[in-house]
Amino acid sequence: MVSLIKTLQFAVVLHIVRGALFNKSQTMSSSLSMMKQTGNFHTSHSNEIFLLNVGGELMYATRDTLTYIPNTVLSSVILSTTENRSKLIQHDENGRIFIDLPPILFKHALEQLRRWKNRGNISADREILPPSWHVKNEFDEMLISLGLAKYRQNLPIECTLYNVSDDPSRHVGTGGGTLCDRDLVGWTRFIDRAGNVIVRQAPGIGCGGQKSGWLLGTYPTEPWTTTLSTLCYTDEMRIPCRAWTPIRTTHCGSFLVFELRSPPFCPARVCTDDYNLN
């Protein structure tokens, strides 16, 4: 009889324990399901994982990555309380943080933040580079909206400060003259009927002068890069490089600029032509 009572007591205790474990498992499963929906995963506080809805595309990122650069929209949102967070940014129907930005551009910026965080390379001269110069303006607008304006890629100074020449008389194939480039010194961009580049082969007499300038070298192919070449000048005897000066050329994304020096004699002018940079 005593043995039977003990057996029944053990069975009751076992049933209670199993019930408690089942309830705990159900609670954990429910919590995990909720975290998957809202994107609030917790490992440690610093490695808390967030599931973001960026323009309809879901992306994972840790708290450390999103807050790596302080005083930005991302860090303010992540570090705020749940109540304040709702006032700072939108949420989707599942409670995930919603960021109304182009997913491709945001992902590109997020990858760079992630690399910086993993390497721990805090530096004052960091730049978040766009995936392509074709979308640089849109990418920069996104960085500004996220509070990351100072991390935009800086353009070479010559891409913003330059002379402009639209004189069609310097285009290759025009007749000669007495004009000279002695006053066209410094970074220069050629536009419109003047063409957009200095020619890369020796032209005949023309381009508004008696001695024609042409570029012996290559144009830069990557945006924001500069090449060093030789600016040759022909003469009346058609000697292709009767005199020369060094010249730098910078790729400014959608156009080239050329650093001109005063020609070694007059009347001399650089000859220009049309060129498809893309």
Protein backbone atom coordinates (compact mmCIF):
# COMPACT_ATOMS: atom_id res chain seq x y z
CA MET A 1 0.00 0.00 0.00
CA VAL A 2 2.79 2.43 0.94
CA SER A 3 4.61 1.56 -2.28
CA LEU A 4 1.48 2.32 -4.31
CA ILE A 5 1.06 5.73 -2.64
CA LYS A 6 4.70 6.64 -3.38
CA THR A 7 4.28 5.55 -6.99
CA LEU A 8 1.19 7.76 -7.34
CA GLN A 9 2.99 10.71 -5.71
CA PHE A 10 5.94 10.34 -8.12
CA ALA A 11 3.57 10.19 -11.10
CA VAL A 12 1.84 13.40 -9.97
CA VAL A 13 5.17 15.20 -9.51
CA LEU A 14 6.41 13.99 -12.90
CA HIS A 15 3.19 15.21 -14.54
CA ILE A 16 3.59 18.65 -12.94
CA VAL A 17 7.24 18.90 -14.03
CA ARG A 18 6.41 17.84 -17.57
CA GLY A 19 3.59 20.36 -17.69
CA ALA A 20 5.86 23.15 -16.50
CA LEU A 21 8.52 22.26 -19.06
CA PHE A 22 5.91 22.12 -21.83
CA ASN A 23 4.50 25.51 -20.85
CA LYS A 24 7.99 27.00 -20.75
CA SER A 25 8.75 25.53 -24.16
CA GLN A 26 5.51 26.94 -25.56
CA THR A 27 6.31 30.36 -24.07
CA MET A 28 9.83 30.34 -25.55
CA SER A 29 8.48 29.23 -28.93
CA SER A 30 5.87 31.97 -28.85
CA SER A 31 8.49 34.55 -27.87
CA LEU A 32 10.81 33.40 -30.64
CA SER A 33 7.98 33.65 -33.14
CA MET A 34 7.22 37.17 -31.95
CA MET A 35 10.90 38.16 -32.17
CA LYS A 36 11.04 36.84 -35.73
CA GLN A 37 8.07 39.02 -36.61
CA THR A 38 9.24 42.21 -34.94
CA GLY A 39 12.95 41.72 -35.53
CA ASN A 40 13.94 42.03 -31.87
CA PHE A 41 16.49 39.28 -31.24
CA HIS A 42 18.54 39.44 -28.03
CA THR A 43 21.90 37.80 -27.52
CA SER A 44 23.77 40.34 -25.46
CA HIS A 45 22.83 44.00 -25.24
CA SER A 46 25.61 45.10 -27.59
CA ASN A 47 24.89 42.31 -30.08
CA GLU A 48 21.14 42.74 -30.15
CA ILE A 49 19.97 41.91 -33.66
CA PHE A 50 17.43 44.05 -35.47
CA LEU A 51 15.41 43.08 -38.50
CA LEU A 52 14.89 46.21 -40.57
CA ASN A 53 12.37 46.75 -43.32
CA VAL A 54 14.18 48.96 -45.83
CA GLY A 55 11.93 49.96 -48.69
CA GLY A 56 10.20 46.57 -48.53
CA GLU A 57 13.40 44.49 -48.25
CA LEU A 58 14.30 42.87 -44.92
CA MET A 59 17.83 43.29 -43.58
CA TYR A 60 19.53 42.12 -40.37
CA ALA A 61 21.98 44.30 -38.47
CA THR A 62 23.37 44.34 -34.94
CA ARG A 63 23.01 47.17 -32.49
CA ASP A 64 26.80 47.66 -32.63
CA THR A 65 26.71 48.23 -36.39
CA LEU A 66 23.71 50.56 -36.39
CA THR A 67 25.12 52.66 -33.54
CA TYR A 68 28.79 52.53 -34.59
CA ILE A 69 28.67 56.18 -35.66
CA PRO A 70 26.99 58.20 -32.90
CA ASN A 71 24.49 61.02 -33.28
CA THR A 72 22.89 59.71 -36.46
CA VAL A 73 19.28 58.85 -37.22
CA LEU A 74 20.09 55.13 -36.98
CA SER A 75 21.85 55.38 -33.62
CA SER A 76 19.13 57.65 -32.21
CA VAL A 77 16.42 55.21 -33.22
CA ILE A 78 18.20 52.11 -31.91
CA LEU A 79 19.25 53.69 -28.61
CA SER A 80 15.83 55.21 -27.92
CA THR A 81 13.13 53.56 -25.83
CA THR A 82 10.34 51.69 -27.58
CA GLU A 83 7.96 54.54 -26.83
CA ASN A 84 10.26 57.24 -28.17
CA ARG A 85 11.27 55.07 -31.11
CA SER A 86 7.71 55.15 -32.43
CA LYS A 87 7.96 58.94 -32.56
CA LEU A 88 11.28 58.93 -34.42
CA ILE A 89 10.62 56.47 -37.22
CA GLN A 90 7.90 54.43 -38.89
CA HIS A 91 7.16 50.75 -38.28
CA ASP A 92 5.66 48.20 -40.63
CA GLU A 93 2.59 46.07 -39.91
CA ASN A 94 4.73 43.57 -37.97
CA GLY A 95 6.33 46.20 -35.76
CA ARG A 96 9.69 46.17 -37.54
CA ILE A 97 11.60 49.42 -37.99
CA PHE A 98 10.70 50.73 -41.44
CA ILE A 99 13.22 52.85 -43.35
CA ASP A 100 11.82 54.42 -46.49
CA LEU A 101 15.03 54.46 -48.54
CA PRO A 102 16.29 52.59 -51.63
CA PRO A 103 17.30 49.09 -50.41
CA ILE A 104 20.30 48.76 -52.73
CA LEU A 105 21.84 52.06 -51.63
CA PHE A 106 21.09 51.48 -47.93
CA LYS A 107 22.57 47.97 -48.06
CA HIS A 108 25.74 49.36 -49.64
CA ALA A 109 26.12 51.92 -46.83
CA LEU A 110 25.27 49.30 -44.18
CA GLU A 111 28.00 46.97 -45.48
CA GLN A 112 30.59 49.73 -45.07
CA LEU A 113 29.40 50.50 -41.53
CA ARG A 114 29.62 46.79 -40.74
CA ARG A 115 33.22 46.61 -42.00
CA TRP A 116 34.20 49.67 -39.98
CA LYS A 117 32.64 48.18 -36.86
CA ASN A 118 34.33 44.81 -37.35
CA ARG A 119 37.73 46.42 -37.95
CA GLY A 120 37.31 49.07 -35.29
CA ASN A 121 38.94 51.62 -37.59
CA ILE A 122 37.63 54.84 -36.13
CA SER A 123 39.04 57.66 -38.25
CA ALA A 124 38.15 61.27 -38.92
CA ASP A 125 38.63 60.95 -42.67
CA ARG A 126 36.29 58.06 -43.37
CA GLU A 127 34.06 58.23 -46.42
CA ILE A 128 31.01 56.12 -47.21
CA LEU A 129 31.48 55.49 -50.91
CA PRO A 130 28.58 55.16 -53.36
CA PRO A 131 28.26 51.92 -55.35
CA SER A 132 28.67 53.93 -58.56
CA TRP A 133 29.24 57.55 -59.50
CA HIS A 134 26.01 57.32 -61.53
CA VAL A 135 24.02 57.28 -58.27
CA LYS A 136 26.32 59.50 -56.20
CA ASN A 137 23.80 62.34 -55.86
CA GLU A 138 21.03 59.99 -54.72
CA PHE A 139 23.46 58.18 -52.40
CA ASP A 140 24.59 61.47 -50.86
CA GLU A 141 20.95 62.51 -50.32
CA MET A 142 20.39 59.26 -48.43
CA LEU A 143 23.45 59.84 -46.23
CA ILE A 144 22.21 63.35 -45.43
CA SER A 145 18.77 62.01 -44.45
CA LEU A 146 20.46 59.50 -42.10
CA GLY A 147 22.62 62.15 -40.44
CA LEU A 148 25.77 60.90 -42.17
CA ALA A 149 26.43 63.99 -44.31
CA LYS A 150 30.04 64.43 -43.20
CA TYR A 151 30.85 60.91 -44.38
CA ARG A 152 29.99 61.65 -48.02
CA GLN A 153 32.74 61.12 -50.55
CA ASN A 154 34.61 64.36 -51.16
CA LEU A 155 35.15 65.33 -54.77
CA PRO A 156 38.58 66.47 -55.95
CA ILE A 157 38.66 70.25 -55.72
CA GLU A 158 39.24 70.53 -59.47
CA CYS A 159 35.86 68.87 -60.07
CA THR A 160 34.10 71.84 -58.51
CA LEU A 161 36.45 74.75 -59.28
CA TYR A 162 37.51 74.97 -62.91
CA ASN A 163 37.58 77.23 -65.97
CA VAL A 164 35.08 76.59 -68.76
CA SER A 165 35.74 76.88 -72.48
CA ASP A 166 32.95 76.54 -75.05
CA ASP A 167 34.79 78.14 -77.97
CA PRO A 168 33.96 76.13 -81.13
CA SER A 169 37.01 77.51 -82.95
CA ARG A 170 39.28 75.18 -80.94
CA HIS A 171 37.40 72.05 -82.08
CA VAL A 172 39.57 69.78 -84.23
CA GLY A 173 39.04 70.36 -87.94
CA THR A 174 38.57 74.12 -87.73
CA GLY A 175 40.90 76.52 -89.47
CA GLY A 176 43.98 78.25 -88.13
CA GLY A 177 44.23 81.72 -86.66
CA THR A 178 46.16 83.92 -84.29
CA LEU A 179 44.49 82.96 -80.99
CA CYS A 180 46.59 81.74 -78.06
CA ASP A 181 45.89 79.93 -74.77
CA ARG A 182 48.28 82.06 -72.71
CA ASP A 183 45.37 83.16 -70.49
CA LEU A 184 43.71 79.74 -70.24
CA VAL A 185 45.67 78.45 -67.28
CA GLY A 186 44.58 76.04 -64.54
CA TRP A 187 41.94 73.32 -64.39
CA THR A 188 39.69 73.62 -67.44
CA ARG A 189 36.54 71.89 -68.63
CA PHE A 190 35.57 71.94 -72.31
CA ILE A 191 31.85 71.97 -73.10
CA ASP A 192 29.25 72.31 -75.85
CA ARG A 193 30.57 73.10 -79.35
CA ALA A 194 34.15 73.08 -78.08
CA GLY A 195 33.87 69.34 -77.50
CA ASN A 196 34.70 67.82 -74.11
CA VAL A 197 38.29 66.51 -74.30
CA ILE A 198 41.72 67.40 -75.65
CA VAL A 199 42.48 65.24 -78.69
CA ARG A 200 44.92 62.34 -78.32
CA GLN A 201 46.51 62.44 -81.75
CA ALA A 202 48.47 65.13 -83.50
CA PRO A 203 46.06 67.36 -85.43
CA GLY A 204 46.79 69.49 -88.45
CA ILE A 205 47.25 73.23 -88.27
CA GLY A 206 44.09 74.76 -86.90
CA CYS A 207 42.02 75.01 -83.73
CA GLY A 208 42.19 78.81 -83.96
CA GLY A 209 45.98 79.01 -83.73
CA GLN A 210 49.11 78.10 -85.66
CA LYS A 211 50.46 75.49 -83.24
CA SER A 212 48.03 72.80 -82.09
CA GLY A 213 48.10 71.13 -78.69
CA TRP A 214 47.24 67.45 -78.24
CA LEU A 215 47.46 64.98 -75.36
CA LEU A 216 50.09 62.25 -75.47
CA GLY A 217 48.75 59.82 -72.88
CA THR A 218 45.47 58.40 -71.62
CA TYR A 219 42.32 59.70 -70.02
CA PRO A 220 41.55 58.41 -66.52
CA THR A 221 38.88 55.72 -66.58
CA GLU A 222 37.85 55.65 -62.92
CA PRO A 223 35.90 58.51 -61.30
CA TRP A 224 37.88 60.82 -59.01
CA THR A 225 41.24 59.62 -60.35
CA THR A 226 43.94 61.64 -62.11
CA THR A 227 46.43 60.74 -64.83
CA LEU A 228 49.67 62.51 -65.74
CA SER A 229 50.38 62.94 -69.46
CA THR A 230 52.24 65.18 -71.90
CA LEU A 231 50.63 68.04 -73.78
CA CYS A 232 52.44 68.21 -77.12
CA TYR A 233 52.36 71.11 -79.56
CA THR A 234 52.79 70.72 -83.30
CA ASP A 235 54.28 73.46 -85.46
CA GLU A 236 54.02 74.75 -89.01
CA MET A 237 56.33 71.94 -90.20
CA ARG A 238 53.91 69.32 -88.73
CA ILE A 239 56.45 68.12 -86.20
CA PRO A 240 54.06 66.35 -83.78
CA CYS A 241 55.77 67.33 -80.53
CA ARG A 242 57.80 70.44 -81.31
CA ALA A 243 57.35 71.56 -77.70
CA TRP A 244 55.54 70.15 -74.70
CA THR A 245 54.33 70.71 -71.14
CA PRO A 246 53.13 68.23 -68.48
CA ILE A 247 49.37 67.97 -68.03
CA ARG A 248 47.09 66.31 -65.49
CA THR A 249 43.61 65.02 -66.29
CA THR A 250 40.97 64.25 -63.64
CA HIS A 251 37.85 62.13 -64.09
CA CYS A 252 34.95 63.95 -62.41
CA GLY A 253 32.29 61.30 -62.94
CA SER A 254 30.46 62.72 -65.94
CA PHE A 255 33.23 64.88 -67.39
CA LEU A 256 37.00 65.40 -67.53
CA VAL A 257 39.01 68.44 -66.48
CA PHE A 258 42.51 69.28 -67.74
CA GLU A 259 45.18 71.24 -65.88
CA LEU A 260 46.59 73.60 -68.50
CA ARG A 261 49.79 75.62 -68.38
CA SER A 262 50.65 78.58 -70.51
CA PRO A 263 51.83 77.30 -73.92
CA PRO A 264 55.57 77.52 -74.70
CA PHE A 265 54.89 79.86 -77.64
CA CYS A 266 52.06 81.67 -79.41
CA PRO A 267 49.78 81.49 -81.24
CA ALA A 268 49.13 78.01 -79.81
CA ARG A 269 45.88 76.38 -78.67
CA VAL A 270 44.85 72.95 -77.49
CA CYS A 271 42.58 71.13 -79.94
CA THR A 272 39.42 69.53 -78.63
CA ASP A 273 36.98 66.87 -79.77
CA ASP A 274 33.84 65.04 -78.69
CA TYR A 275 34.34 61.91 -76.58
CA ASN A 276 31.92 59.43 -75.02
CA LEU A 277 33.12 59.11 -71.45
CA ASN A 278 30.74 56.25 -70.68
